[in-house]
């Protein structure tokens, strides 16, 4: 699933699973997982930038465990981490230059760090 948002005069921010084939509309393909996706060769991923520093901390990722019941709390804790994360500026710079697609490997398309990150970026823009 690919989701995106665009406001007039602004570049597109989309999210999608890293296992899906690249599209011309992806722009910069930014992997936002701390760990490299299982079973995916780097040559097949078509990742422009692996920005693992913007991913949730290991502790937060393990606590969340992709449990939808913890989603709201995960988003809150992740937002607190992002507020003090210098790597976020690199991502904002990429987005300022053009379209960006945040790539993630989780199976759950609605409850993953890329979704939370996109929501955070949109809210703080």
N, C-alpha and C. Protein backbone atom coordinates (compact mmCIF):
# COMPACT_ATOMS: atom_id res chain seq x y z
N UNK A 1 0.84 -1.18 0.00
CA UNK A 1 0.00 0.00 0.00
C UNK A 1 0.88 1.24 0.00
N UNK A 2 0.57 2.14 -0.86
CA UNK A 2 1.26 3.41 -0.90
C UNK A 2 0.27 4.48 -0.49
N UNK A 3 0.68 5.31 0.42
CA UNK A 3 -0.16 6.45 0.77
C UNK A 3 0.69 7.69 0.62
N UNK A 4 0.04 8.77 0.28
CA UNK A 4 0.80 10.00 0.10
C UNK A 4 -0.06 11.20 0.42
N UNK A 5 0.63 12.27 0.64
CA UNK A 5 -0.08 13.53 0.84
C UNK A 5 0.70 14.61 0.12
N UNK A 6 -0.03 15.60 -0.33
CA UNK A 6 0.60 16.74 -0.99
C UNK A 6 -0.32 17.93 -0.77
N UNK A 7 0.28 19.02 -0.40
CA UNK A 7 -0.44 20.27 -0.31
C UNK A 7 0.03 21.13 -1.47
N UNK A 8 -0.79 22.07 -1.91
CA UNK A 8 -0.38 22.91 -3.04
C UNK A 8 0.99 23.53 -2.83
N UNK A 9 1.85 23.40 -3.85
CA UNK A 9 3.18 23.98 -3.79
C UNK A 9 4.18 23.22 -2.93
N UNK A 10 3.81 22.06 -2.48
CA UNK A 10 4.70 21.28 -1.62
C UNK A 10 4.99 19.92 -2.26
N UNK A 11 6.11 19.36 -1.85
CA UNK A 11 6.49 18.06 -2.37
C UNK A 11 5.71 16.95 -1.68
N UNK A 12 5.59 15.85 -2.37
CA UNK A 12 4.82 14.71 -1.90
C UNK A 12 5.61 13.91 -0.87
N UNK A 13 4.92 13.44 0.16
CA UNK A 13 5.47 12.52 1.14
C UNK A 13 4.60 11.28 1.12
N UNK A 14 5.21 10.14 0.79
CA UNK A 14 4.47 8.89 0.69
C UNK A 14 5.13 7.85 1.58
N UNK A 15 4.38 6.79 1.86
CA UNK A 15 4.97 5.65 2.56
C UNK A 15 4.58 4.38 1.81
N UNK A 16 5.48 3.39 1.86
CA UNK A 16 5.17 2.09 1.27
C UNK A 16 6.16 1.04 1.74
N UNK A 17 5.76 -0.19 1.60
CA UNK A 17 6.63 -1.29 2.00
C UNK A 17 7.83 -1.34 1.05
N UNK A 18 8.98 -1.59 1.60
CA UNK A 18 10.22 -1.63 0.84
C UNK A 18 10.22 -2.78 -0.17
N UNK A 19 9.40 -3.79 0.06
CA UNK A 19 9.34 -4.96 -0.82
C UNK A 19 8.56 -4.69 -2.11
N UNK A 20 7.82 -3.59 -2.16
CA UNK A 20 7.07 -3.26 -3.37
C UNK A 20 8.02 -2.67 -4.40
N UNK A 21 7.74 -2.87 -5.68
CA UNK A 21 8.64 -2.35 -6.72
C UNK A 21 8.66 -0.82 -6.72
N UNK A 22 9.79 -0.24 -7.08
CA UNK A 22 9.87 1.22 -7.16
C UNK A 22 9.01 1.75 -8.30
N UNK A 23 8.58 3.00 -8.12
CA UNK A 23 7.79 3.68 -9.15
C UNK A 23 8.47 5.01 -9.45
N UNK A 24 8.24 5.54 -10.62
CA UNK A 24 8.84 6.82 -10.99
C UNK A 24 8.41 7.93 -10.05
N UNK A 25 7.22 7.83 -9.50
CA UNK A 25 6.68 8.87 -8.62
C UNK A 25 7.22 8.81 -7.20
N UNK A 26 8.06 7.82 -6.88
CA UNK A 26 8.58 7.66 -5.52
C UNK A 26 9.48 8.82 -5.08
N UNK A 27 10.17 9.42 -6.00
CA UNK A 27 11.16 10.43 -5.62
C UNK A 27 12.29 9.76 -4.85
N UNK A 28 12.79 10.44 -3.82
CA UNK A 28 13.83 9.83 -2.98
C UNK A 28 13.19 8.70 -2.17
N UNK A 29 13.77 7.52 -2.24
CA UNK A 29 13.26 6.36 -1.50
C UNK A 29 14.11 6.22 -0.23
N UNK A 30 13.50 6.51 0.92
CA UNK A 30 14.22 6.59 2.18
C UNK A 30 13.76 5.45 3.10
N UNK A 31 14.68 4.53 3.36
CA UNK A 31 14.38 3.43 4.28
C UNK A 31 14.49 3.97 5.70
N UNK A 32 13.42 3.81 6.50
CA UNK A 32 13.39 4.35 7.86
C UNK A 32 13.34 3.23 8.91
N UNK A 33 13.83 2.06 8.57
CA UNK A 33 13.97 0.95 9.51
C UNK A 33 15.37 0.98 10.11
N UNK A 34 15.48 0.63 11.37
CA UNK A 34 16.79 0.56 12.02
C UNK A 34 17.56 -0.67 11.52
N UNK A 35 16.84 -1.75 11.21
CA UNK A 35 17.46 -2.99 10.73
C UNK A 35 17.15 -3.16 9.25
N UNK A 36 18.11 -3.73 8.51
CA UNK A 36 17.87 -3.98 7.09
C UNK A 36 16.77 -5.02 6.95
N UNK A 37 15.85 -4.85 5.99
CA UNK A 37 14.73 -5.78 5.82
C UNK A 37 15.19 -7.20 5.47
N UNK A 38 14.56 -8.16 6.11
CA UNK A 38 14.90 -9.56 5.89
C UNK A 38 14.64 -9.99 4.45
N UNK A 39 15.55 -10.77 3.94
CA UNK A 39 15.39 -11.37 2.63
C UNK A 39 15.46 -10.42 1.46
N UNK A 40 15.89 -9.22 1.67
CA UNK A 40 15.95 -8.24 0.59
C UNK A 40 17.40 -7.85 0.33
N UNK A 41 17.83 -8.11 -0.89
CA UNK A 41 19.19 -7.71 -1.26
C UNK A 41 19.23 -6.21 -1.48
N UNK A 42 20.31 -5.59 -1.10
CA UNK A 42 20.43 -4.14 -1.24
C UNK A 42 20.26 -3.71 -2.69
N UNK A 43 20.75 -4.51 -3.61
CA UNK A 43 20.63 -4.18 -5.03
C UNK A 43 19.18 -4.19 -5.50
N UNK A 44 18.33 -4.96 -4.83
CA UNK A 44 16.92 -5.06 -5.22
C UNK A 44 16.03 -4.05 -4.52
N UNK A 45 16.54 -3.37 -3.52
CA UNK A 45 15.72 -2.49 -2.70
C UNK A 45 15.48 -1.12 -3.32
N UNK A 46 16.39 -0.68 -4.16
CA UNK A 46 16.28 0.64 -4.79
C UNK A 46 16.08 1.74 -3.74
N UNK A 47 16.90 1.69 -2.70
CA UNK A 47 16.85 2.67 -1.63
C UNK A 47 17.82 3.80 -1.95
N UNK A 48 17.33 5.02 -1.94
CA UNK A 48 18.20 6.19 -2.16
C UNK A 48 19.03 6.48 -0.93
N UNK A 49 18.39 6.41 0.23
CA UNK A 49 19.04 6.71 1.51
C UNK A 49 18.50 5.77 2.57
N UNK A 50 19.41 5.17 3.34
CA UNK A 50 19.00 4.37 4.50
C UNK A 50 19.22 5.27 5.71
N UNK A 51 18.15 5.80 6.24
CA UNK A 51 18.23 6.75 7.35
C UNK A 51 17.80 6.04 8.64
N UNK A 52 18.61 5.06 9.04
CA UNK A 52 18.26 4.26 10.22
C UNK A 52 18.28 5.08 11.50
N UNK A 53 18.98 6.21 11.50
CA UNK A 53 19.06 7.04 12.71
C UNK A 53 17.72 7.69 13.05
N UNK A 54 16.81 7.79 12.08
CA UNK A 54 15.51 8.40 12.32
C UNK A 54 14.49 7.36 12.80
N UNK A 55 14.85 6.10 12.79
CA UNK A 55 13.96 5.03 13.24
C UNK A 55 13.78 5.08 14.75
N UNK A 56 12.73 4.47 15.27
CA UNK A 56 12.55 4.41 16.72
C UNK A 56 13.73 3.70 17.37
N UNK A 57 13.99 4.06 18.61
CA UNK A 57 15.05 3.39 19.36
C UNK A 57 14.74 1.89 19.44
N UNK A 58 15.78 1.11 19.64
CA UNK A 58 15.60 -0.34 19.78
C UNK A 58 14.64 -0.65 20.90
N UNK A 59 14.77 0.05 22.01
CA UNK A 59 13.90 -0.19 23.15
C UNK A 59 12.43 0.08 22.81
N UNK A 60 12.18 1.19 22.13
CA UNK A 60 10.81 1.52 21.76
C UNK A 60 10.27 0.53 20.73
N UNK A 61 11.08 0.19 19.76
CA UNK A 61 10.65 -0.77 18.73
C UNK A 61 10.28 -2.10 19.35
N UNK A 62 11.11 -2.59 20.28
CA UNK A 62 10.83 -3.88 20.92
C UNK A 62 9.60 -3.80 21.82
N UNK A 63 9.45 -2.66 22.53
CA UNK A 63 8.27 -2.50 23.38
C UNK A 63 6.99 -2.53 22.53
N UNK A 64 6.99 -1.81 21.41
CA UNK A 64 5.81 -1.72 20.55
C UNK A 64 5.45 -3.09 19.97
N UNK A 65 6.43 -3.77 19.41
CA UNK A 65 6.18 -5.10 18.84
C UNK A 65 5.06 -5.14 17.82
N UNK A 66 4.75 -4.03 17.18
CA UNK A 66 3.68 -3.92 16.17
C UNK A 66 2.33 -4.35 16.73
N UNK A 67 2.11 -4.09 18.01
CA UNK A 67 0.83 -4.37 18.67
C UNK A 67 -0.09 -3.17 18.47
N UNK A 68 -1.16 -3.32 17.68
CA UNK A 68 -2.06 -2.19 17.43
C UNK A 68 -2.63 -1.58 18.72
N UNK A 69 -2.74 -2.35 19.77
CA UNK A 69 -3.25 -1.82 21.04
C UNK A 69 -2.28 -0.80 21.64
N UNK A 70 -1.01 -0.84 21.25
CA UNK A 70 0.00 0.09 21.75
C UNK A 70 0.28 1.24 20.78
N UNK A 71 -0.48 1.31 19.69
CA UNK A 71 -0.22 2.26 18.63
C UNK A 71 -0.19 3.72 19.11
N UNK A 72 -1.22 4.14 19.82
CA UNK A 72 -1.29 5.54 20.26
C UNK A 72 -0.11 5.89 21.17
N UNK A 73 0.21 5.01 22.08
CA UNK A 73 1.34 5.25 22.99
C UNK A 73 2.66 5.21 22.23
N UNK A 74 2.77 4.29 21.27
CA UNK A 74 3.97 4.24 20.43
C UNK A 74 4.17 5.56 19.71
N UNK A 75 3.12 6.08 19.07
CA UNK A 75 3.23 7.34 18.33
C UNK A 75 3.67 8.47 19.26
N UNK A 76 3.14 8.50 20.45
CA UNK A 76 3.51 9.54 21.41
C UNK A 76 4.98 9.43 21.82
N UNK A 77 5.41 8.22 22.14
CA UNK A 77 6.81 8.02 22.55
C UNK A 77 7.77 8.28 21.39
N UNK A 78 7.38 7.85 20.20
CA UNK A 78 8.23 8.06 19.03
C UNK A 78 8.33 9.56 18.71
N UNK A 79 7.23 10.27 18.82
CA UNK A 79 7.26 11.71 18.60
C UNK A 79 8.22 12.40 19.58
N UNK A 80 8.23 11.93 20.82
CA UNK A 80 9.15 12.49 21.81
C UNK A 80 10.60 12.23 21.41
N UNK A 81 10.87 11.04 20.88
CA UNK A 81 12.22 10.74 20.38
C UNK A 81 12.58 11.63 19.19
N UNK A 82 11.64 11.78 18.27
CA UNK A 82 11.89 12.55 17.06
C UNK A 82 12.14 14.02 17.37
N UNK A 83 11.51 14.53 18.39
CA UNK A 83 11.67 15.94 18.75
C UNK A 83 13.12 16.29 19.09
N UNK A 84 13.90 15.28 19.47
CA UNK A 84 15.30 15.50 19.85
C UNK A 84 16.26 14.75 18.93
N UNK A 85 15.80 14.39 17.74
CA UNK A 85 16.60 13.57 16.84
C UNK A 85 17.20 14.44 15.72
N UNK A 86 18.53 14.64 15.72
CA UNK A 86 19.14 15.48 14.68
C UNK A 86 19.03 14.88 13.27
N UNK A 87 18.82 13.58 13.15
CA UNK A 87 18.70 12.96 11.83
C UNK A 87 17.42 13.39 11.11
N UNK A 88 16.47 13.88 11.87
CA UNK A 88 15.22 14.34 11.27
C UNK A 88 15.45 15.49 10.29
N UNK A 89 16.46 16.30 10.56
CA UNK A 89 16.76 17.42 9.66
C UNK A 89 17.19 16.94 8.28
N UNK A 90 17.94 15.86 8.22
CA UNK A 90 18.33 15.31 6.92
C UNK A 90 17.09 14.89 6.13
N UNK A 91 16.14 14.27 6.81
CA UNK A 91 14.91 13.86 6.15
C UNK A 91 14.11 15.08 5.70
N UNK A 92 14.02 16.07 6.53
CA UNK A 92 13.31 17.30 6.14
C UNK A 92 13.98 17.97 4.95
N UNK A 93 15.30 17.95 4.91
CA UNK A 93 16.03 18.53 3.78
C UNK A 93 15.71 17.78 2.49
N UNK A 94 15.69 16.46 2.55
CA UNK A 94 15.35 15.66 1.37
C UNK A 94 13.96 16.00 0.88
N UNK A 95 13.03 16.12 1.81
CA UNK A 95 11.64 16.42 1.46
C UNK A 95 11.52 17.83 0.88
N UNK A 96 12.30 18.76 1.37
CA UNK A 96 12.28 20.13 0.84
C UNK A 96 12.77 20.17 -0.61
N UNK A 97 13.62 19.22 -0.98
CA UNK A 97 14.19 19.18 -2.33
C UNK A 97 13.28 18.50 -3.34
N UNK A 98 12.37 17.64 -2.89
CA UNK A 98 11.51 16.93 -3.82
C UNK A 98 10.67 15.88 -3.11
N UNK A 99 9.98 15.07 -3.92
CA UNK A 99 9.13 14.02 -3.39
C UNK A 99 9.96 12.98 -2.64
N UNK A 100 9.37 12.45 -1.56
CA UNK A 100 10.03 11.44 -0.74
C UNK A 100 9.04 10.32 -0.45
N UNK A 101 9.54 9.09 -0.54
CA UNK A 101 8.77 7.93 -0.12
C UNK A 101 9.50 7.27 1.04
N UNK A 102 8.83 7.18 2.18
CA UNK A 102 9.37 6.51 3.36
C UNK A 102 9.12 5.02 3.21
N UNK A 103 10.18 4.25 3.28
CA UNK A 103 10.09 2.80 3.11
C UNK A 103 10.20 2.10 4.46
N UNK A 104 9.40 1.05 4.64
CA UNK A 104 9.40 0.26 5.86
C UNK A 104 9.21 -1.20 5.50
N UNK A 105 9.54 -2.09 6.42
CA UNK A 105 9.42 -3.52 6.12
C UNK A 105 8.30 -4.21 6.89
N UNK A 106 7.69 -3.56 7.83
CA UNK A 106 6.64 -4.18 8.65
C UNK A 106 5.49 -4.69 7.79
N UNK A 107 4.82 -5.73 8.26
CA UNK A 107 3.66 -6.28 7.55
C UNK A 107 2.43 -5.38 7.72
N UNK A 108 2.29 -4.78 8.88
CA UNK A 108 1.12 -3.96 9.20
C UNK A 108 1.27 -2.60 8.53
N UNK A 109 0.42 -2.34 7.55
CA UNK A 109 0.52 -1.10 6.79
C UNK A 109 -0.04 0.11 7.53
N UNK A 110 -0.82 -0.13 8.57
CA UNK A 110 -1.44 0.98 9.31
C UNK A 110 -0.70 1.34 10.58
N UNK A 111 0.05 0.37 11.13
CA UNK A 111 0.71 0.58 12.42
C UNK A 111 2.19 0.28 12.30
N UNK A 112 2.95 1.25 11.79
CA UNK A 112 4.39 1.08 11.63
C UNK A 112 5.08 2.43 11.78
N UNK A 113 6.39 2.40 11.94
CA UNK A 113 7.13 3.63 12.20
C UNK A 113 7.08 4.62 11.04
N UNK A 114 6.98 4.14 9.81
CA UNK A 114 6.90 5.06 8.67
C UNK A 114 5.61 5.87 8.73
N UNK A 115 4.51 5.21 9.07
CA UNK A 115 3.23 5.91 9.21
C UNK A 115 3.33 6.96 10.33
N UNK A 116 3.88 6.57 11.48
CA UNK A 116 4.03 7.51 12.60
C UNK A 116 4.95 8.66 12.23
N UNK A 117 6.02 8.36 11.52
CA UNK A 117 6.98 9.38 11.10
C UNK A 117 6.32 10.36 10.11
N UNK A 118 5.58 9.84 9.15
CA UNK A 118 4.89 10.70 8.19
C UNK A 118 3.89 11.61 8.90
N UNK A 119 3.15 11.05 9.85
CA UNK A 119 2.19 11.86 10.61
C UNK A 119 2.92 12.97 11.38
N UNK A 120 4.06 12.63 11.98
CA UNK A 120 4.85 13.60 12.73
C UNK A 120 5.34 14.72 11.81
N UNK A 121 5.87 14.34 10.65
CA UNK A 121 6.38 15.33 9.70
C UNK A 121 5.29 16.25 9.20
N UNK A 122 4.15 15.68 8.87
CA UNK A 122 3.02 16.48 8.39
C UNK A 122 2.55 17.44 9.47
N UNK A 123 2.47 16.98 10.70
CA UNK A 123 1.97 17.82 11.80
C UNK A 123 2.95 18.94 12.15
N UNK A 124 4.23 18.68 11.93
CA UNK A 124 5.24 19.68 12.33
C UNK A 124 5.68 20.57 11.17
N UNK A 125 5.05 20.42 10.04
CA UNK A 125 5.44 21.20 8.86
C UNK A 125 4.92 22.61 8.94
